Amino acid sequence: MAVPPPHSRMILDKPALRAKLRADRDQFAAESTTAILAPEAFVERIREGMTVATYCAVGSEADPTQLAAAAAAAGCRLALPFVVDRSAPIRFLAWQLGEPLVAGPFNLRQPDPASPEVAPDVILTPLVGFDRRLNRLGQGAGHYDRAFARYEAAWRVGVAWSVQEVPAIPADIWDVPLHAIITEEGMLWHAEK
């Protein structure tokens, strides 16, 4: 009897799915030397003067450094999320590559709290899992869903390892789908968004 491939059945329990995907992500990151590169479609979409909110990867999260570098090279301003606690909304603060960071909650590295707050045109977001309909499974606090609602016009781009893809993410009414997802294999997106 053949063993079904990982994630061949949809896990409807979000905490169980998060645990499974984190384990897969941890194993992939430990065994791989692959990096997330800036796909041509991403570089073509960003423009000088845009503000691109990136993030500092924690643990085995996919690292968006090359995407941030491509944005900076294109003349974009960069920002990082600033988190106070689980219930407070994310604020995006101006930041430049190489600027010092301060320790934040949840092992986050974030800009100095005195940095100016900015409104992003592009939001690069970490995630735990995703599907081909561009639904994302986050950490569970809703930080990015609230940010997506606040910055409705921003281009929402998930950054992940390909092993984090599942057939379907169970979506709640407050979950906001992405416009694109970038993995080490390339970019999944719907060109009209």
C-alpha atoms as a PDB file:
ATOM      1  CA  MET A   1       0.000   0.000   0.000  1.00  0.00           C
ATOM      2  CA  ALA A   2       1.375   3.386  -1.004  1.00  0.00           C
ATOM      3  CA  VAL A   3       1.945   6.000   1.656  1.00  0.00           C
ATOM      4  CA  PRO A   4       0.135   9.255   0.836  1.00  0.00           C
ATOM      5  CA  PRO A   5       2.392  12.276   0.361  1.00  0.00           C
ATOM      6  CA  PRO A   6       2.670  14.754   3.243  1.00  0.00           C
ATOM      7  CA  HIS A   7      -0.331  17.064   3.510  1.00  0.00           C
ATOM      8  CA  SER A   8      -2.366  14.933   1.075  1.00  0.00           C
ATOM      9  CA  ARG A   9      -5.305  15.255   3.420  1.00  0.00           C
ATOM     10  CA  MET A  10      -6.486  18.605   4.651  1.00  0.00           C
ATOM     11  CA  ILE A  11      -6.053  19.125   8.378  1.00  0.00           C
ATOM     12  CA  LEU A  12      -8.983  21.238   9.546  1.00  0.00           C
ATOM     13  CA  ASP A  13      -7.634  21.840  13.039  1.00  0.00           C
ATOM     14  CA  LYS A  14      -5.477  24.975  12.717  1.00  0.00           C
ATOM     15  CA  PRO A  15      -3.319  24.307  15.813  1.00  0.00           C
ATOM     16  CA  ALA A  16      -2.575  20.757  14.592  1.00  0.00           C
ATOM     17  CA  LEU A  17      -1.833  22.032  11.089  1.00  0.00           C
ATOM     18  CA  ARG A  18       0.484  24.713  12.493  1.00  0.00           C
ATOM     19  CA  ALA A  19       2.369  22.103  14.535  1.00  0.00           C
ATOM     20  CA  LYS A  20       2.790  19.815  11.504  1.00  0.00           C
ATOM     21  CA  LEU A  21       3.894  22.630   9.205  1.00  0.00           C
ATOM     22  CA  ARG A  22       6.335  24.073  11.749  1.00  0.00           C
ATOM     23  CA  ALA A  23       7.929  20.635  12.112  1.00  0.00           C
ATOM     24  CA  ASP A  24       8.194  20.308   8.317  1.00  0.00           C
ATOM     25  CA  ARG A  25       9.624  23.823   8.050  1.00  0.00           C
ATOM     26  CA  ASP A  26      12.148  23.159  10.833  1.00  0.00           C
ATOM     27  CA  GLN A  27      13.339  19.968   9.137  1.00  0.00           C
ATOM     28  CA  PHE A  28      13.566  21.615   5.709  1.00  0.00           C
ATOM     29  CA  ALA A  29      15.506  24.609   7.034  1.00  0.00           C
ATOM     30  CA  ALA A  30      17.898  22.360   8.970  1.00  0.00           C
ATOM     31  CA  GLU A  31      18.677  20.247   5.897  1.00  0.00           C
ATOM     32  CA  SER A  32      18.673  22.908   3.169  1.00  0.00           C
ATOM     33  CA  THR A  33      21.124  25.571   2.075  1.00  0.00           C
ATOM     34  CA  THR A  34      18.547  27.120  -0.252  1.00  0.00           C
ATOM     35  CA  ALA A  35      17.734  30.825  -0.087  1.00  0.00           C
ATOM     36  CA  ILE A  36      14.699  32.848  -1.092  1.00  0.00           C
ATOM     37  CA  LEU A  37      15.727  34.933  -4.103  1.00  0.00           C
ATOM     38  CA  ALA A  38      13.895  37.867  -5.667  1.00  0.00           C
ATOM     39  CA  PRO A  39      11.909  36.549  -8.652  1.00  0.00           C
ATOM     40  CA  GLU A  40      11.773  38.718 -11.770  1.00  0.00           C
ATOM     41  CA  ALA A  41       8.001  39.174 -11.358  1.00  0.00           C
ATOM     42  CA  PHE A  42       8.588  40.633  -7.864  1.00  0.00           C
ATOM     43  CA  VAL A  43      11.327  43.002  -9.031  1.00  0.00           C
ATOM     44  CA  GLU A  44       9.161  44.169 -11.957  1.00  0.00           C
ATOM     45  CA  ARG A  45       6.255  44.928  -9.608  1.00  0.00           C
ATOM     46  CA  ILE A  46       8.114  47.188  -7.158  1.00  0.00           C
ATOM     47  CA  ARG A  47       8.879  50.806  -8.012  1.00  0.00           C
ATOM     48  CA  GLU A  48      11.181  53.523  -6.746  1.00  0.00           C
ATOM     49  CA  GLY A  49       9.620  55.403  -3.842  1.00  0.00           C
ATOM     50  CA  MET A  50       7.417  52.522  -2.683  1.00  0.00           C
ATOM     51  CA  THR A  51       7.574  51.439   0.941  1.00  0.00           C
ATOM     52  CA  VAL A  52       8.204  47.717   1.334  1.00  0.00           C
ATOM     53  CA  ALA A  53       7.546  46.227   4.765  1.00  0.00           C
ATOM     54  CA  THR A  54       9.762  43.214   5.298  1.00  0.00           C
ATOM     55  CA  TYR A  55      10.513  41.192   8.451  1.00  0.00           C
ATOM     56  CA  CYS A  56      13.407  39.532  10.253  1.00  0.00           C
ATOM     57  CA  ALA A  57      13.014  35.765  10.067  1.00  0.00           C
ATOM     58  CA  VAL A  58      12.667  33.942  13.372  1.00  0.00           C
ATOM     59  CA  GLY A  59      13.853  30.348  13.682  1.00  0.00           C
ATOM     60  CA  SER A  60      13.151  28.367  10.514  1.00  0.00           C
ATOM     61  CA  GLU A  61      11.015  31.044   8.820  1.00  0.00           C
ATOM     62  CA  ALA A  62      11.955  31.795   5.213  1.00  0.00           C
ATOM     63  CA  ASP A  63      14.364  34.736   5.194  1.00  0.00           C
ATOM     64  CA  PRO A  64      13.223  37.696   3.028  1.00  0.00           C
ATOM     65  CA  THR A  65      16.629  39.447   3.068  1.00  0.00           C
ATOM     66  CA  GLN A  66      17.184  39.080  -0.697  1.00  0.00           C
ATOM     67  CA  LEU A  67      13.706  40.492  -1.369  1.00  0.00           C
ATOM     68  CA  ALA A  68      14.418  43.475   0.892  1.00  0.00           C
ATOM     69  CA  ALA A  69      17.788  44.003  -0.808  1.00  0.00           C
ATOM     70  CA  ALA A  70      16.123  43.944  -4.249  1.00  0.00           C
ATOM     71  CA  ALA A  71      13.548  46.480  -3.042  1.00  0.00           C
ATOM     72  CA  ALA A  72      16.252  48.763  -1.627  1.00  0.00           C
ATOM     73  CA  ALA A  73      18.242  48.475  -4.883  1.00  0.00           C
ATOM     74  CA  ALA A  74      15.096  49.534  -6.781  1.00  0.00           C
ATOM     75  CA  GLY A  75      14.867  52.700  -4.663  1.00  0.00           C
ATOM     76  CA  CYS A  76      12.176  51.509  -2.265  1.00  0.00           C
ATOM     77  CA  ARG A  77      12.030  52.542   1.366  1.00  0.00           C
ATOM     78  CA  LEU A  78      12.020  49.649   3.830  1.00  0.00           C
ATOM     79  CA  ALA A  79      10.076  49.098   7.021  1.00  0.00           C
ATOM     80  CA  LEU A  80       9.868  46.411   9.675  1.00  0.00           C
ATOM     81  CA  PRO A  81       6.972  45.412  11.900  1.00  0.00           C
ATOM     82  CA  PHE A  82       6.981  46.710  15.446  1.00  0.00           C
ATOM     83  CA  VAL A  83       5.025  44.530  17.851  1.00  0.00           C
ATOM     84  CA  VAL A  84       4.178  45.431  21.447  1.00  0.00           C
ATOM     85  CA  ASP A  85       2.224  42.333  22.484  1.00  0.00           C
ATOM     86  CA  ARG A  86      -0.148  39.666  21.166  1.00  0.00           C
ATOM     87  CA  SER A  87      -3.241  41.891  21.157  1.00  0.00           C
ATOM     88  CA  ALA A  88      -1.783  45.183  19.870  1.00  0.00           C
ATOM     89  CA  PRO A  89      -1.764  45.829  16.115  1.00  0.00           C
ATOM     90  CA  ILE A  90       1.479  45.800  14.156  1.00  0.00           C
ATOM     91  CA  ARG A  91       2.961  49.179  13.336  1.00  0.00           C
ATOM     92  CA  PHE A  92       5.423  49.391  10.469  1.00  0.00           C
ATOM     93  CA  LEU A  93       8.468  51.522  11.287  1.00  0.00           C
ATOM     94  CA  ALA A  94      11.017  52.877   8.807  1.00  0.00           C
ATOM     95  CA  TRP A  95      14.244  50.907   8.658  1.00  0.00           C
ATOM     96  CA  GLN A  96      17.271  50.526   6.389  1.00  0.00           C
ATOM     97  CA  LEU A  97      19.330  47.414   5.729  1.00  0.00           C
ATOM     98  CA  GLY A  98      22.098  47.198   8.294  1.00  0.00           C
ATOM     99  CA  GLU A  99      20.497  49.506  10.867  1.00  0.00           C
ATOM    100  CA  PRO A 100      20.644  48.152  14.415  1.00  0.00           C
ATOM    101  CA  LEU A 101      17.587  46.373  15.770  1.00  0.00           C
ATOM    102  CA  VAL A 102      16.168  45.998  19.260  1.00  0.00           C
ATOM    103  CA  ALA A 103      14.748  42.896  20.906  1.00  0.00           C
ATOM    104  CA  GLY A 104      10.978  42.619  20.841  1.00  0.00           C
ATOM    105  CA  PRO A 105       8.409  40.129  22.076  1.00  0.00           C
ATOM    106  CA  PHE A 106       8.249  36.604  20.574  1.00  0.00           C
ATOM    107  CA  ASN A 107      12.010  36.667  19.774  1.00  0.00           C
ATOM    108  CA  LEU A 108      11.415  39.407  17.202  1.00  0.00           C
ATOM    109  CA  ARG A 109      14.107  41.844  16.125  1.00  0.00           C
ATOM    110  CA  GLN A 110      12.547  45.214  15.398  1.00  0.00           C
ATOM    111  CA  PRO A 111      13.479  48.827  14.691  1.00  0.00           C
ATOM    112  CA  ASP A 112      14.025  51.408  17.379  1.00  0.00           C
ATOM    113  CA  PRO A 113      10.572  52.444  18.664  1.00  0.00           C
ATOM    114  CA  ALA A 114      11.484  56.077  17.888  1.00  0.00           C
ATOM    115  CA  SER A 115      11.655  55.285  14.142  1.00  0.00           C
ATOM    116  CA  PRO A 116       8.881  56.943  12.121  1.00  0.00           C
ATOM    117  CA  GLU A 117       5.754  54.938  11.360  1.00  0.00           C
ATOM    118  CA  VAL A 118       5.108  54.411   7.637  1.00  0.00           C
ATOM    119  CA  ALA A 119       2.290  53.062   5.459  1.00  0.00           C
ATOM    120  CA  PRO A 120       3.544  50.142   3.347  1.00  0.00           C
ATOM    121  CA  ASP A 121       2.803  49.691  -0.352  1.00  0.00           C
ATOM    122  CA  VAL A 122       4.053  46.095  -0.170  1.00  0.00           C
ATOM    123  CA  ILE A 123       3.895  43.814   2.866  1.00  0.00           C
ATOM    124  CA  LEU A 124       6.218  40.802   2.932  1.00  0.00           C
ATOM    125  CA  THR A 125       4.763  38.433   5.492  1.00  0.00           C
ATOM    126  CA  PRO A 126       6.046  35.287   7.149  1.00  0.00           C
ATOM    127  CA  LEU A 127       3.651  32.391   7.363  1.00  0.00           C
ATOM    128  CA  VAL A 128       3.270  28.882   8.690  1.00  0.00           C
ATOM    129  CA  GLY A 129       1.397  27.449   5.684  1.00  0.00           C
ATOM    130  CA  PHE A 130      -0.237  28.383   2.389  1.00  0.00           C
ATOM    131  CA  ASP A 131      -2.313  26.960  -0.430  1.00  0.00           C
ATOM    132  CA  ARG A 132      -2.530  27.665  -4.172  1.00  0.00           C
ATOM    133  CA  ARG A 133      -5.535  29.936  -3.641  1.00  0.00           C
ATOM    134  CA  LEU A 134      -3.088  32.192  -1.749  1.00  0.00           C
ATOM    135  CA  ASN A 135      -4.641  31.599   1.649  1.00  0.00           C
ATOM    136  CA  ARG A 136      -2.116  31.859   4.454  1.00  0.00           C
ATOM    137  CA  LEU A 137      -1.916  30.257   7.857  1.00  0.00           C
ATOM    138  CA  GLY A 138      -0.133  32.585  10.255  1.00  0.00           C
ATOM    139  CA  GLN A 139       0.998  32.241  13.850  1.00  0.00           C
ATOM    140  CA  GLY A 140      -2.557  32.635  15.127  1.00  0.00           C
ATOM    141  CA  ALA A 141      -2.494  36.094  16.707  1.00  0.00           C
ATOM    142  CA  GLY A 142      -4.032  37.857  13.687  1.00  0.00           C
ATOM    143  CA  HIS A 143      -1.322  40.544  13.550  1.00  0.00           C
ATOM    144  CA  TYR A 144      -0.921  40.430   9.790  1.00  0.00           C
ATOM    145  CA  ASP A 145      -4.644  39.987   9.073  1.00  0.00           C
ATOM    146  CA  ARG A 146      -5.276  43.222  10.973  1.00  0.00           C
ATOM    147  CA  ALA A 147      -2.416  44.927   9.116  1.00  0.00           C
ATOM    148  CA  PHE A 148      -3.840  43.751   5.773  1.00  0.00           C
ATOM    149  CA  ALA A 149      -7.215  45.232   6.712  1.00  0.00           C
ATOM    150  CA  ARG A 150      -5.581  48.513   7.748  1.00  0.00           C
ATOM    151  CA  TYR A 151      -3.470  48.758   4.576  1.00  0.00           C
ATOM    152  CA  GLU A 152      -6.000  47.391   2.081  1.00  0.00           C
ATOM    153  CA  ALA A 153      -4.183  48.754  -0.980  1.00  0.00           C
ATOM    154  CA  ALA A 154      -0.851  47.119  -0.078  1.00  0.00           C
ATOM    155  CA  TRP A 155       0.398  44.220  -2.192  1.00  0.00           C
ATOM    156  CA  ARG A 156       0.403  41.260   0.220  1.00  0.00           C
ATOM    157  CA  VAL A 157       3.269  38.835  -0.425  1.00  0.00           C
ATOM    158  CA  GLY A 158       3.859  35.717   1.657  1.00  0.00           C
ATOM    159  CA  VAL A 159       7.394  34.370   1.994  1.00  0.00           C
ATOM    160  CA  ALA A 160       7.751  30.665   2.730  1.00  0.00           C
ATOM    161  CA  TRP A 161       9.499  27.408   1.965  1.00  0.00           C
ATOM    162  CA  SER A 162       7.781  25.186  -0.609  1.00  0.00           C
ATOM    163  CA  VAL A 163       7.285  22.468   2.056  1.00  0.00           C
ATOM    164  CA  GLN A 164       4.780  24.785   3.733  1.00  0.00           C
ATOM    165  CA  GLU A 165       2.267  24.364   0.892  1.00  0.00           C
ATOM    166  CA  VAL A 166      -0.856  22.310   1.607  1.00  0.00           C
ATOM    167  CA  PRO A 167      -3.868  21.491  -0.601  1.00  0.00           C
ATOM    168  CA  ALA A 168      -6.150  23.862   1.311  1.00  0.00           C
ATOM    169  CA  ILE A 169      -5.863  26.196   4.278  1.00  0.00           C
ATOM    170  CA  PRO A 170      -8.989  26.343   6.440  1.00  0.00           C
ATOM    171  CA  ALA A 171      -9.965  30.018   6.237  1.00  0.00           C
ATOM    172  CA  ASP A 172     -12.001  32.005   8.736  1.00  0.00           C
ATOM    173  CA  ILE A 173     -14.051  35.063   7.778  1.00  0.00           C
ATOM    174  CA  TRP A 174     -11.344  37.421   9.090  1.00  0.00           C
ATOM    175  CA  ASP A 175      -8.517  35.735   7.140  1.00  0.00           C
ATOM    176  CA  VAL A 176      -7.253  37.915   4.294  1.00  0.00           C
ATOM    177  CA  PRO A 177      -5.756  36.091   1.285  1.00  0.00           C
ATOM    178  CA  LEU A 178      -2.420  37.090  -0.182  1.00  0.00           C
ATOM    179  CA  HIS A 179      -1.715  38.475  -3.640  1.00  0.00           C
ATOM    180  CA  ALA A 180       1.456  36.392  -4.092  1.00  0.00           C
ATOM    181  CA  ILE A 181       3.673  33.852  -2.365  1.00  0.00           C
ATOM    182  CA  ILE A 182       7.425  33.594  -2.917  1.00  0.00           C
ATOM    183  CA  THR A 183       9.287  30.370  -2.138  1.00  0.00           C
ATOM    184  CA  GLU A 184      12.732  29.049  -3.021  1.00  0.00           C
ATOM    185  CA  GLU A 185      11.062  27.627  -6.161  1.00  0.00           C
ATOM    186  CA  GLY A 186       9.681  30.937  -7.431  1.00  0.00           C
ATOM    187  CA  MET A 187       6.556  33.058  -7.178  1.00  0.00           C
ATOM    188  CA  LEU A 188       2.918  31.994  -7.122  1.00  0.00           C
ATOM    189  CA  TRP A 189       0.552  34.845  -7.887  1.00  0.00           C
ATOM    190  CA  HIS A 190      -2.500  36.010  -9.700  1.00  0.00           C
ATOM    191  CA  ALA A 191      -1.347  38.695 -12.139  1.00  0.00           C
ATOM    192  CA  GLU A 192      -4.564  40.711 -11.857  1.00  0.00           C
ATOM    193  CA  LYS A 193      -3.952  41.480  -8.169  1.00  0.00           C
END
